[in-house]
Amino acid sequence: MSDQFDYDVVVIGGGPAGYPAAIRAGQNGLKVACVDAWRNRDGKGAFGGTCLNAGCIPSKALLESSELWHRAQHEFAVHGIQATGLSLDLAAMQKRRAAIVRGMTGGIAALLKGAGVMAMFGRGKLLAGRVVEVTGQDGKVTQLRARHVVLASGSEPTALKFLPFDGQQIIDSWGALELDAVPNRLCVIGAGVIGLELGSVWRRLGSEVVMLEALDSLLPAADAQLAAEAGKHFKKLGLDIRLGAKVSGAQPGKDGVSVRYTDAKGEQSVVADKVVVAVGRRPYTADLLGAGSGVSVDAHGSIVVDEHCATGAENVWAIGDVVRGPMLAHKAKEEGVAVADRIAGKYAHVNYALIPSVIYTAPEIAWAGQS
């Protein structure tokens, strides 16, 4: 490494794209720093991004716990297992979820250390000439000069302009994973992967769940026959899925939130204790790119890259949710490993035609390859 650089590689983002890139680059013998701005509710930094902290991992923990509760109530008897006196301890369930998250995020920190990666908590910003400005949690600003920079800043929940998150009654997917009481009535806006998983969790735990989906079909990305069959199971579970329901606004009040929507029957409304907005995610690039970075962003907010994840700026790469393609952790990881190998001069390839997708509902839905 030339003396003019502090690091061979600086990775901005420590989620499923960033930390595999940093670890692989370290394993390839490069001097690496990984900068991440994620903070948990307690204000402490944690690697793993949305997936480990507020997405894939905690949602699967609650999906498992809620399925066991539901089966104990409704399915054990047919197997000759008589379970009486059942009670739900949501606090214990949430404690287990949090412990799983802590264990896995701590594991990422250990993996980074083992690969010789300098792990830094702070907000990274790419300036001209591959200088990364890092603003620490204490407000201190440092600059890192890098031979290569990998942008892996991830994504964030998409908000609705007419239905902003308030963190209390109108919440995003992270908030829906950390409820401390089972809502009597829950409205989920969006019946996609995130919405169906969250809706399933709280329906199993006792909520009356209404799901409002603007499209006229369920799970349009999945095989139509699979989606139709899954819909029967969701209905049996008790999910009230209303298709072609276009939400126009909401009015919070003492008795809950009144959500207005329009469907084939005209103007409708539904009142819920909590409203979860799960209409998708968008690339997160807030304060990521400084003047002169040379990196372009398209109309959808994604960083523009070629088939090798290279941006228009020399030795600057971008991977994961912040670039084109499905926002999936395993796709992000493959890109991170591939870019780290390309930087090291090795051959690397990601087969974008064969990326599996899984929805962890009951039944689980999965597909891979061409439809």
Protein backbone atom coordinates (compact mmCIF):
# COMPACT_ATOMS: atom_id res chain seq x y z
CA MET A 1 0.00 0.00 0.00
CA SER A 2 1.29 3.44 -0.93
CA ASP A 3 2.04 5.81 1.94
CA GLN A 4 -0.49 8.26 0.52
CA PHE A 5 -3.33 5.96 1.65
CA ASP A 6 -4.43 5.14 5.18
CA TYR A 7 -6.21 1.98 4.03
CA ASP A 8 -6.39 -0.26 0.99
CA VAL A 9 -10.16 -0.49 1.44
CA VAL A 10 -12.67 1.56 3.42
CA VAL A 11 -16.17 0.09 3.58
CA ILE A 12 -19.03 2.43 4.49
CA GLY A 13 -21.73 0.27 6.02
CA GLY A 14 -21.56 -2.81 8.25
CA GLY A 15 -24.64 -4.71 7.13
CA PRO A 16 -24.98 -7.91 5.05
CA ALA A 17 -23.15 -6.23 2.15
CA GLY A 18 -20.52 -4.25 4.03
CA TYR A 19 -19.23 -6.63 6.67
CA PRO A 20 -18.69 -9.60 4.27
CA ALA A 21 -16.82 -7.23 1.93
CA ALA A 22 -14.63 -5.98 4.77
CA ILE A 23 -13.94 -9.47 6.12
CA ARG A 24 -13.08 -10.89 2.69
CA ALA A 25 -10.84 -7.93 1.91
CA GLY A 26 -9.03 -8.50 5.21
CA GLN A 27 -8.69 -12.20 4.45
CA ASN A 28 -7.19 -11.20 1.10
CA GLY A 29 -4.36 -9.48 2.96
CA LEU A 30 -5.57 -5.90 2.52
CA LYS A 31 -5.61 -3.16 5.15
CA VAL A 32 -9.30 -2.51 5.77
CA ALA A 33 -11.57 -0.23 7.78
CA CYS A 34 -15.34 -0.72 8.11
CA VAL A 35 -17.41 2.29 9.18
CA ASP A 36 -20.99 1.87 10.36
CA ALA A 37 -23.50 4.38 11.73
CA TRP A 38 -26.13 1.96 13.06
CA ARG A 39 -27.35 2.60 16.59
CA ASN A 40 -29.72 0.42 18.56
CA ARG A 41 -32.48 1.86 20.74
CA ASP A 42 -30.00 2.20 23.60
CA GLY A 43 -27.77 4.39 21.45
CA LYS A 44 -24.97 1.85 21.21
CA GLY A 45 -23.35 1.07 17.87
CA ALA A 46 -23.88 -2.39 16.40
CA PHE A 47 -22.76 -4.05 13.21
CA GLY A 48 -25.11 -6.13 11.09
CA GLY A 49 -27.27 -3.40 9.57
CA THR A 50 -31.03 -3.63 9.29
CA CYS A 51 -30.94 -7.38 8.67
CA LEU A 52 -29.42 -8.38 11.98
CA ASN A 53 -30.72 -5.51 14.11
CA ALA A 54 -34.21 -4.71 12.84
CA GLY A 55 -35.13 -7.02 9.98
CA CYS A 56 -34.30 -10.58 8.97
CA ILE A 57 -33.04 -11.93 12.29
CA PRO A 58 -35.44 -10.40 14.84
CA SER A 59 -38.42 -11.04 12.56
CA LYS A 60 -37.50 -14.73 12.24
CA ALA A 61 -37.12 -14.97 16.01
CA LEU A 62 -40.64 -13.64 16.50
CA LEU A 63 -42.01 -15.75 13.67
CA GLU A 64 -40.71 -18.89 15.40
CA SER A 65 -41.97 -17.88 18.84
CA SER A 66 -45.40 -16.86 17.56
CA GLU A 67 -45.75 -20.04 15.51
CA LEU A 68 -45.00 -22.18 18.56
CA TRP A 69 -47.63 -20.24 20.55
CA HIS A 70 -50.19 -20.65 17.76
CA ARG A 71 -49.51 -24.37 17.35
CA ALA A 72 -49.76 -24.97 21.09
CA GLN A 73 -53.18 -23.34 21.06
CA HIS A 74 -54.60 -24.78 17.84
CA GLU A 75 -52.63 -27.81 16.63
CA PHE A 76 -51.18 -29.79 19.53
CA ALA A 77 -54.48 -31.42 20.54
CA VAL A 78 -54.79 -33.41 17.30
CA HIS A 79 -51.42 -34.95 18.13
CA GLY A 80 -52.68 -36.05 21.53
CA ILE A 81 -50.84 -33.24 23.33
CA GLN A 82 -53.17 -31.54 25.79
CA ALA A 83 -51.76 -28.15 26.74
CA THR A 84 -53.73 -26.33 29.42
CA GLY A 85 -53.16 -23.14 31.33
CA LEU A 86 -51.23 -21.51 28.51
CA SER A 87 -50.24 -17.89 28.95
CA LEU A 88 -48.33 -15.49 26.75
CA ASP A 89 -45.29 -13.73 28.20
CA LEU A 90 -44.53 -11.20 25.48
CA ALA A 91 -41.75 -9.62 27.52
CA ALA A 92 -39.90 -12.95 27.67
CA MET A 93 -40.47 -13.46 23.95
CA GLN A 94 -39.04 -10.03 23.18
CA LYS A 95 -36.12 -10.66 25.56
CA ARG A 96 -35.24 -13.78 23.58
CA ARG A 97 -35.41 -11.81 20.32
CA ALA A 98 -33.12 -9.12 21.69
CA ALA A 99 -30.64 -11.69 23.02
CA ILE A 100 -30.42 -13.37 19.61
CA VAL A 101 -29.75 -10.00 17.98
CA ARG A 102 -27.05 -9.09 20.52
CA GLY A 103 -25.33 -12.42 20.07
CA MET A 104 -25.24 -12.17 16.30
CA THR A 105 -24.16 -8.53 16.12
CA GLY A 106 -21.44 -9.26 18.64
CA GLY A 107 -20.37 -12.14 16.44
CA ILE A 108 -19.94 -9.78 13.49
CA ALA A 109 -17.62 -7.58 15.55
CA ALA A 110 -15.55 -10.66 16.43
CA LEU A 111 -15.36 -11.72 12.76
CA LEU A 112 -14.19 -8.27 11.72
CA LYS A 113 -11.50 -8.32 14.41
CA GLY A 114 -10.42 -11.80 13.38
CA ALA A 115 -9.94 -10.63 9.78
CA GLY A 116 -7.82 -7.70 10.91
CA VAL A 117 -10.45 -5.10 10.01
CA MET A 118 -10.49 -1.76 11.82
CA ALA A 119 -14.11 -1.47 12.97
CA MET A 120 -15.36 2.08 13.48
CA PHE A 121 -18.73 3.37 14.63
CA GLY A 122 -19.68 6.63 12.95
CA ARG A 123 -21.24 8.13 9.87
CA GLY A 124 -19.11 7.78 6.75
CA LYS A 125 -19.22 10.25 3.86
CA LEU A 126 -17.34 9.91 0.58
CA LEU A 127 -15.50 13.06 -0.48
CA ALA A 128 -13.48 13.75 -3.61
CA GLY A 129 -10.34 11.69 -4.17
CA ARG A 130 -11.62 8.68 -2.18
CA VAL A 131 -11.38 10.46 1.14
CA VAL A 132 -13.89 9.13 3.65
CA GLU A 133 -15.00 11.58 6.29
CA VAL A 134 -16.09 9.81 9.46
CA THR A 135 -18.21 11.61 12.05
CA GLY A 136 -18.01 9.63 15.27
CA GLN A 137 -20.78 9.22 17.81
CA ASP A 138 -18.99 11.81 19.92
CA GLY A 139 -19.08 14.30 17.03
CA LYS A 140 -15.36 14.02 16.31
CA VAL A 141 -14.54 14.11 12.59
CA THR A 142 -11.67 12.19 11.04
CA GLN A 143 -10.66 11.59 7.44
CA LEU A 144 -9.48 8.30 5.95
CA ARG A 145 -7.65 8.12 2.64
CA ALA A 146 -8.45 4.95 0.75
CA ARG A 147 -7.16 3.21 -2.34
CA HIS A 148 -10.64 1.68 -2.76
CA VAL A 149 -13.97 2.67 -1.22
CA VAL A 150 -16.98 0.33 -1.00
CA LEU A 151 -20.37 1.96 -0.44
CA ALA A 152 -22.75 -0.36 1.42
CA SER A 153 -25.10 2.01 3.21
CA GLY A 154 -28.16 -0.21 2.84
CA SER A 155 -31.80 0.85 2.77
CA GLU A 156 -34.54 2.28 4.99
CA PRO A 157 -38.32 1.81 5.22
CA THR A 158 -40.27 3.79 2.66
CA ALA A 159 -42.50 6.36 4.32
CA LEU A 160 -45.79 7.68 3.00
CA LYS A 161 -45.97 11.47 2.78
CA PHE A 162 -49.55 11.53 4.01
CA LEU A 163 -48.85 9.01 6.79
CA PRO A 164 -45.55 9.94 8.48
CA PHE A 165 -44.10 7.73 11.20
CA ASP A 166 -44.69 9.03 14.70
CA GLY A 167 -43.04 6.11 16.51
CA GLN A 168 -46.15 5.56 18.64
CA GLN A 169 -49.28 4.77 16.65
CA ILE A 170 -47.86 4.87 13.13
CA ILE A 171 -44.71 2.78 13.01
CA ASP A 172 -42.25 1.17 10.60
CA SER A 173 -41.14 -2.46 10.48
CA TRP A 174 -38.54 -1.97 13.24
CA GLY A 175 -41.16 -0.53 15.55
CA ALA A 176 -43.47 -3.43 14.75
CA LEU A 177 -40.81 -5.87 15.94
CA GLU A 178 -40.44 -4.18 19.33
CA LEU A 179 -44.03 -3.74 20.51
CA ASP A 180 -44.32 -4.37 24.25
CA ALA A 181 -48.00 -5.33 24.11
CA VAL A 182 -50.16 -7.20 21.63
CA PRO A 183 -52.39 -4.66 19.84
CA ASN A 184 -56.09 -5.48 19.88
CA ARG A 185 -56.35 -4.12 16.33
CA LEU A 186 -53.46 -3.82 13.92
CA CYS A 187 -53.51 -2.31 10.44
CA VAL A 188 -50.64 -3.22 8.11
CA ILE A 189 -50.29 -1.13 4.96
CA GLY A 190 -48.68 -3.30 2.34
CA ALA A 191 -49.15 -7.05 1.90
CA GLY A 192 -45.68 -7.77 0.59
CA VAL A 193 -43.00 -9.90 2.21
CA ILE A 194 -42.43 -7.62 5.22
CA GLY A 195 -46.11 -6.92 5.75
CA LEU A 196 -47.14 -10.58 5.60
CA GLU A 197 -44.43 -11.69 8.01
CA LEU A 198 -45.26 -8.97 10.53
CA GLY A 199 -48.99 -9.49 10.09
CA SER A 200 -48.55 -13.22 10.71
CA VAL A 201 -46.58 -12.63 13.92
CA TRP A 202 -49.15 -10.39 15.55
CA ARG A 203 -52.17 -12.33 14.26
CA ARG A 204 -50.81 -15.50 15.86
CA LEU A 205 -50.30 -13.61 19.10
CA GLY A 206 -53.91 -12.43 19.15
CA SER A 207 -54.27 -9.21 17.16
CA GLU A 208 -57.09 -8.57 14.74
CA VAL A 209 -55.02 -7.80 11.65
CA VAL A 210 -56.26 -5.90 8.60
CA MET A 211 -53.84 -5.65 5.69
CA LEU A 212 -54.38 -3.01 3.01
CA GLU A 213 -52.68 -3.74 -0.33
CA ALA A 214 -52.95 -1.27 -3.20
CA LEU A 215 -52.37 -3.93 -5.86
CA ASP A 216 -55.14 -6.22 -7.04
CA SER A 217 -53.10 -9.37 -6.48
CA LEU A 218 -51.16 -10.88 -3.60
CA LEU A 219 -47.38 -11.25 -3.88
CA PRO A 220 -47.02 -10.24 -7.55
CA ALA A 221 -43.32 -11.18 -7.54
CA ALA A 222 -44.12 -14.80 -6.67
CA ASP A 223 -45.58 -17.49 -8.90
CA ALA A 224 -49.31 -16.74 -9.24
CA GLN A 225 -50.38 -20.28 -8.30
CA LEU A 226 -48.19 -20.23 -5.19
CA ALA A 227 -49.51 -16.81 -4.21
CA ALA A 228 -53.12 -17.95 -4.60
CA GLU A 229 -52.52 -21.05 -2.48
CA ALA A 230 -50.72 -19.02 0.17
CA GLY A 231 -53.66 -16.62 0.26
CA LYS A 232 -55.93 -19.46 1.38
CA HIS A 233 -53.62 -20.20 4.32
CA PHE A 234 -53.40 -16.52 5.28
CA LYS A 235 -57.20 -16.35 5.30
CA LYS A 236 -57.37 -19.49 7.46
CA LEU A 237 -54.93 -17.87 9.90
CA GLY A 238 -57.33 -14.94 10.16
CA LEU A 239 -55.48 -12.26 8.23
CA ASP A 240 -58.00 -9.84 6.72
CA ILE A 241 -56.22 -8.98 3.45
CA ARG A 242 -57.98 -6.32 1.39
CA LEU A 243 -56.63 -6.04 -2.15
CA GLY A 244 -56.99 -3.02 -4.39
CA ALA A 245 -57.11 -0.86 -1.26
CA LYS A 246 -55.38 2.45 -1.89
CA VAL A 247 -54.69 4.31 1.35
CA SER A 248 -55.25 8.06 1.20
CA GLY A 249 -54.63 9.18 4.77
CA ALA A 250 -55.07 8.59 8.47
CA GLN A 251 -56.22 10.41 11.56
CA PRO A 252 -54.65 9.45 14.91
CA GLY A 253 -56.86 9.80 17.95
CA LYS A 254 -57.42 8.61 21.51
CA ASP A 255 -59.27 5.51 20.33
CA GLY A 256 -56.70 4.59 17.69
CA VAL A 257 -55.85 5.56 14.15
CA SER A 258 -58.56 5.85 11.52
CA VAL A 259 -57.07 4.84 8.16
CA ARG A 260 -58.86 5.99 5.03
CA TYR A 261 -58.66 3.99 1.82
CA THR A 262 -60.47 3.49 -1.46
CA ASP A 263 -61.28 0.14 -3.08
CA ALA A 264 -63.82 -1.23 -5.56
CA LYS A 265 -66.59 -0.45 -3.07
CA GLY A 266 -65.59 3.20 -2.80
CA GLU A 267 -64.25 5.12 0.19
CA GLN A 268 -63.66 3.01 3.28
CA SER A 269 -61.97 3.31 6.66
CA VAL A 270 -60.57 1.03 9.34
CA VAL A 271 -59.62 1.89 12.92
CA ALA A 272 -56.57 0.29 14.53
CA ASP A 273 -54.52 0.69 17.71
CA LYS A 274 -51.31 0.56 15.66
CA VAL A 275 -50.59 1.12 11.98
CA VAL A 276 -47.55 -0.51 10.42
CA VAL A 277 -46.39 1.02 7.14
CA ALA A 278 -44.72 -1.77 5.16
CA VAL A 279 -44.82 -0.53 1.58
CA GLY A 280 -41.19 -1.38 0.81
CA ARG A 281 -37.72 -0.01 1.31
CA ARG A 282 -35.59 2.58 -0.46
CA PRO A 283 -31.81 2.99 -0.83
CA TYR A 284 -30.23 4.97 2.00
CA THR A 285 -27.86 7.63 0.70
CA ALA A 286 -28.53 10.51 3.11
CA ASP A 287 -25.32 12.52 3.56
CA LEU A 288 -23.32 9.69 1.99
CA LEU A 289 -21.90 11.48 -1.05
CA GLY A 290 -19.96 14.73 -0.81
CA ALA A 291 -19.28 17.19 -3.62
CA GLY A 292 -16.85 15.77 -6.14
CA SER A 293 -17.34 12.13 -5.12
CA GLY A 294 -18.00 11.24 -8.77
CA VAL A 295 -20.78 8.81 -7.81
CA SER A 296 -24.18 9.03 -9.52
CA VAL A 297 -27.63 8.23 -8.14
CA ASP A 298 -30.53 7.25 -10.42
CA ALA A 299 -34.18 8.34 -10.35
CA HIS A 300 -35.02 5.57 -7.88
CA GLY A 301 -32.35 6.68 -5.43
CA SER A 302 -29.99 3.80 -6.18
CA ILE A 303 -26.27 4.31 -6.74
CA VAL A 304 -25.48 3.65 -10.39
CA VAL A 305 -23.10 0.72 -10.92
CA ASP A 306 -22.06 -1.56 -13.77
CA GLU A 307 -22.32 -5.37 -13.82
CA HIS A 308 -19.26 -5.58 -11.55
CA CYS A 309 -20.64 -3.13 -8.93
CA ALA A 310 -18.20 -0.40 -9.99
CA THR A 311 -19.47 3.19 -9.88
CA GLY A 312 -18.43 5.92 -12.30
CA ALA A 313 -15.71 7.04 -9.88
CA GLU A 314 -12.30 5.39 -10.00
CA ASN A 315 -11.91 2.58 -7.42
CA VAL A 316 -15.29 3.30 -5.85
CA TRP A 317 -17.73 0.40 -5.61
CA ALA A 318 -21.30 0.05 -4.35
CA ILE A 319 -23.13 -3.07 -3.21
CA GLY A 320 -26.28 -4.36 -1.51
CA ASP A 321 -29.57 -2.54 -1.04
CA VAL A 322 -28.08 0.78 -2.16
CA VAL A 323 -27.73 -0.51 -5.76
CA ARG A 324 -30.06 -2.12 -8.32
CA GLY A 325 -31.54 -5.56 -7.81
CA PRO A 326 -33.53 -7.27 -5.06
CA MET A 327 -33.00 -6.01 -1.52
CA LEU A 328 -31.96 -9.37 -0.08
CA ALA A 329 -29.23 -10.08 2.47
CA HIS A 330 -27.76 -13.02 0.57
CA LYS A 331 -27.57 -11.01 -2.66
CA ALA A 332 -25.79 -8.25 -0.73
CA LYS A 333 -23.32 -10.72 0.78
CA GLU A 334 -22.44 -12.23 -2.61
CA GLU A 335 -21.78 -8.76 -4.01
CA GLY A 336 -19.62 -7.86 -1.02
CA VAL A 337 -17.43 -10.95 -1.36
CA ALA A 338 -17.20 -10.52 -5.14
CA VAL A 339 -16.10 -6.87 -4.90
CA ALA A 340 -13.51 -7.69 -2.24
CA ASP A 341 -12.05 -10.35 -4.54
CA ARG A 342 -12.07 -8.02 -7.55
CA ILE A 343 -10.18 -5.42 -5.55
CA ALA A 344 -7.59 -8.09 -4.73
CA GLY A 345 -7.25 -8.95 -8.42
CA LYS A 346 -9.14 -12.22 -8.22
CA TYR A 347 -11.92 -13.56 -10.45
CA ALA A 348 -15.42 -13.07 -9.02
CA HIS A 349 -18.92 -13.57 -10.38
CA VAL A 350 -22.45 -13.10 -9.05
CA ASN A 351 -25.23 -15.03 -10.81
CA TYR A 352 -28.08 -12.54 -10.71
CA ALA A 353 -30.34 -14.96 -12.61
CA LEU A 354 -30.36 -17.38 -9.69
CA ILE A 355 -31.09 -15.40 -6.53
CA PRO A 356 -33.46 -17.28 -4.19
CA SER A 357 -36.32 -15.51 -2.47
CA VAL A 358 -38.03 -16.73 0.70
CA ILE A 359 -41.06 -15.54 2.66
CA TYR A 360 -41.03 -16.99 6.17
CA THR A 361 -44.77 -17.21 6.65
CA ALA A 362 -46.69 -20.45 7.26
CA PRO A 363 -46.49 -22.03 4.80
CA GLU A 364 -43.10 -20.72 3.74
CA ILE A 365 -42.87 -19.55 0.14
CA ALA A 366 -39.68 -19.78 -1.88
CA TRP A 367 -38.50 -19.56 -5.45
CA ALA A 368 -35.25 -19.27 -7.37
CA GLY A 369 -34.25 -18.66 -10.96
CA GLN A 370 -36.53 -17.71 -13.80
CA SER A 371 -40.29 -17.83 -13.29
